[in-house]
Amino acid sequence: VRGDANGDEYVDLADPLLMLHQLFHEVPVACQDAVDANDDEAFDLSDVTYSLEFLFLQGERIPSPYPLPGCDPSGDALNCASYRDGIAHHYPLSIRYPHRP
């Protein structure tokens, strides 16, 4: 799920906070596609601001795959070797976070 940095099946405040930690403390990222919230094919501070604007300022919708898990339709160079607690998943996960259509 794009924007779900911590792999807990939700997109919430915890995700951009973890993104900040990953960016400034050089913490490894298990799924680069998940943290690329704005789908610009890079993981940087703009992903954090994009997520916060989406969550709190009615910003643009997070691009697919959101709100359901799936492959990145843009086919960028970022990888997703694992997702959700460091375990590779190849099946859809249910999303319980209330999202905007």
Protein backbone atom coordinates (compact mmCIF):
# COMPACT_ATOMS: atom_id res chain seq x y z
CA VAL A 1 0.00 0.00 0.00
CA ARG A 2 1.55 3.27 -1.07
CA GLY A 3 2.05 5.58 1.92
CA ASP A 4 2.04 2.74 4.46
CA ALA A 5 5.64 3.04 5.63
CA ASN A 6 5.29 0.83 8.69
CA GLY A 7 3.32 -1.98 7.01
CA ASP A 8 0.50 -2.00 9.53
CA GLU A 9 -2.23 -1.91 6.85
CA TYR A 10 -3.14 1.70 7.70
CA VAL A 11 -2.09 5.06 6.29
CA ASP A 12 -1.97 7.36 9.29
CA LEU A 13 0.30 9.78 11.13
CA ALA A 14 2.68 6.98 12.12
CA ASP A 15 3.71 6.56 8.48
CA PRO A 16 5.11 10.04 7.72
CA LEU A 17 6.77 10.04 11.16
CA LEU A 18 8.51 6.77 10.31
CA MET A 19 9.46 8.18 6.90
CA LEU A 20 11.17 11.11 8.66
CA HIS A 21 13.04 8.68 10.88
CA GLN A 22 14.09 6.62 7.85
CA LEU A 23 15.27 9.70 5.96
CA PHE A 24 17.22 11.45 8.70
CA HIS A 25 18.58 8.43 10.56
CA GLU A 26 19.30 6.39 7.43
CA VAL A 27 17.14 3.49 8.58
CA PRO A 28 16.76 0.79 5.90
CA VAL A 29 13.46 0.80 4.04
CA ALA A 30 11.91 -2.62 3.42
CA CYS A 31 9.52 -1.43 0.71
CA GLN A 32 10.60 1.64 -1.22
CA ASP A 33 7.37 1.73 -3.21
CA ALA A 34 5.38 2.03 0.03
CA VAL A 35 7.32 5.08 1.21
CA ASP A 36 7.20 6.78 -2.22
CA ALA A 37 3.87 8.38 -1.29
CA ASN A 38 3.76 10.80 -4.23
CA ASP A 39 4.99 8.23 -6.80
CA ASP A 40 7.78 10.43 -8.15
CA GLU A 41 10.14 7.41 -8.17
CA ALA A 42 12.23 8.73 -5.27
CA PHE A 43 12.02 8.54 -1.49
CA ASP A 44 12.61 12.00 -0.06
CA LEU A 45 11.07 14.71 2.11
CA SER A 46 8.39 15.40 -0.50
CA ASP A 47 6.85 11.99 0.33
CA VAL A 48 6.48 13.03 3.96
CA THR A 49 4.82 16.34 3.07
CA TYR A 50 2.58 14.65 0.48
CA SER A 51 1.39 12.17 3.11
CA LEU A 52 0.74 14.88 5.69
CA GLU A 53 -1.16 17.02 3.19
CA PHE A 54 -3.28 14.00 2.21
CA LEU A 55 -4.04 13.10 5.81
CA PHE A 56 -4.68 16.56 7.27
CA LEU A 57 -5.16 19.15 4.53
CA GLN A 58 -7.36 17.31 2.02
CA GLY A 59 -4.37 17.05 -0.33
CA GLU A 60 -4.21 14.97 -3.47
CA ARG A 61 -5.09 11.31 -3.15
CA ILE A 62 -2.19 8.90 -2.72
CA PRO A 63 -1.56 7.19 -6.08
CA SER A 64 -2.20 3.49 -6.65
CA PRO A 65 -1.60 1.06 -5.09
CA TYR A 66 -3.75 2.79 -2.49
CA PRO A 67 -5.94 2.04 -0.58
CA LEU A 68 -5.51 -1.63 -1.42
CA PRO A 69 -2.17 -3.42 -1.72
CA GLY A 70 -0.79 -4.29 -5.11
CA CYS A 71 2.01 -3.78 -7.57
CA ASP A 72 3.10 -0.31 -8.55
CA PRO A 73 1.31 0.38 -11.86
CA SER A 74 3.91 2.96 -12.85
CA GLY A 75 6.56 0.25 -12.90
CA ASP A 76 9.28 2.49 -11.50
CA ALA A 77 12.77 1.44 -10.45
CA LEU A 78 11.96 1.32 -6.72
CA ASN A 79 11.68 -2.13 -5.24
CA CYS A 80 9.52 -3.74 -2.64
CA ALA A 81 11.42 -6.80 -1.52
CA SER A 82 9.26 -7.07 1.57
CA TYR A 83 6.21 -5.44 3.04
CA ARG A 84 4.48 -5.59 6.40
CA ASP A 85 6.81 -6.40 9.26
CA GLY A 86 9.66 -7.37 6.95
CA ILE A 87 7.80 -10.33 5.49
CA ALA A 88 7.21 -10.65 1.75
CA HIS A 89 3.52 -10.87 0.95
CA HIS A 90 2.09 -11.77 -2.40
CA TYR A 91 -1.59 -11.60 -1.55
CA PRO A 92 -3.94 -8.69 -0.81
CA LEU A 93 -4.18 -7.41 2.74
CA SER A 94 -7.35 -5.92 4.09
CA ILE A 95 -7.29 -2.20 4.76
CA ARG A 96 -9.25 -1.01 7.75
CA TYR A 97 -8.24 2.65 7.64
CA PRO A 98 -11.15 4.81 6.54
CA HIS A 99 -10.01 6.38 3.30
CA ARG A 100 -11.42 8.92 0.93
CA PRO A 101 -12.77 7.57 -2.36
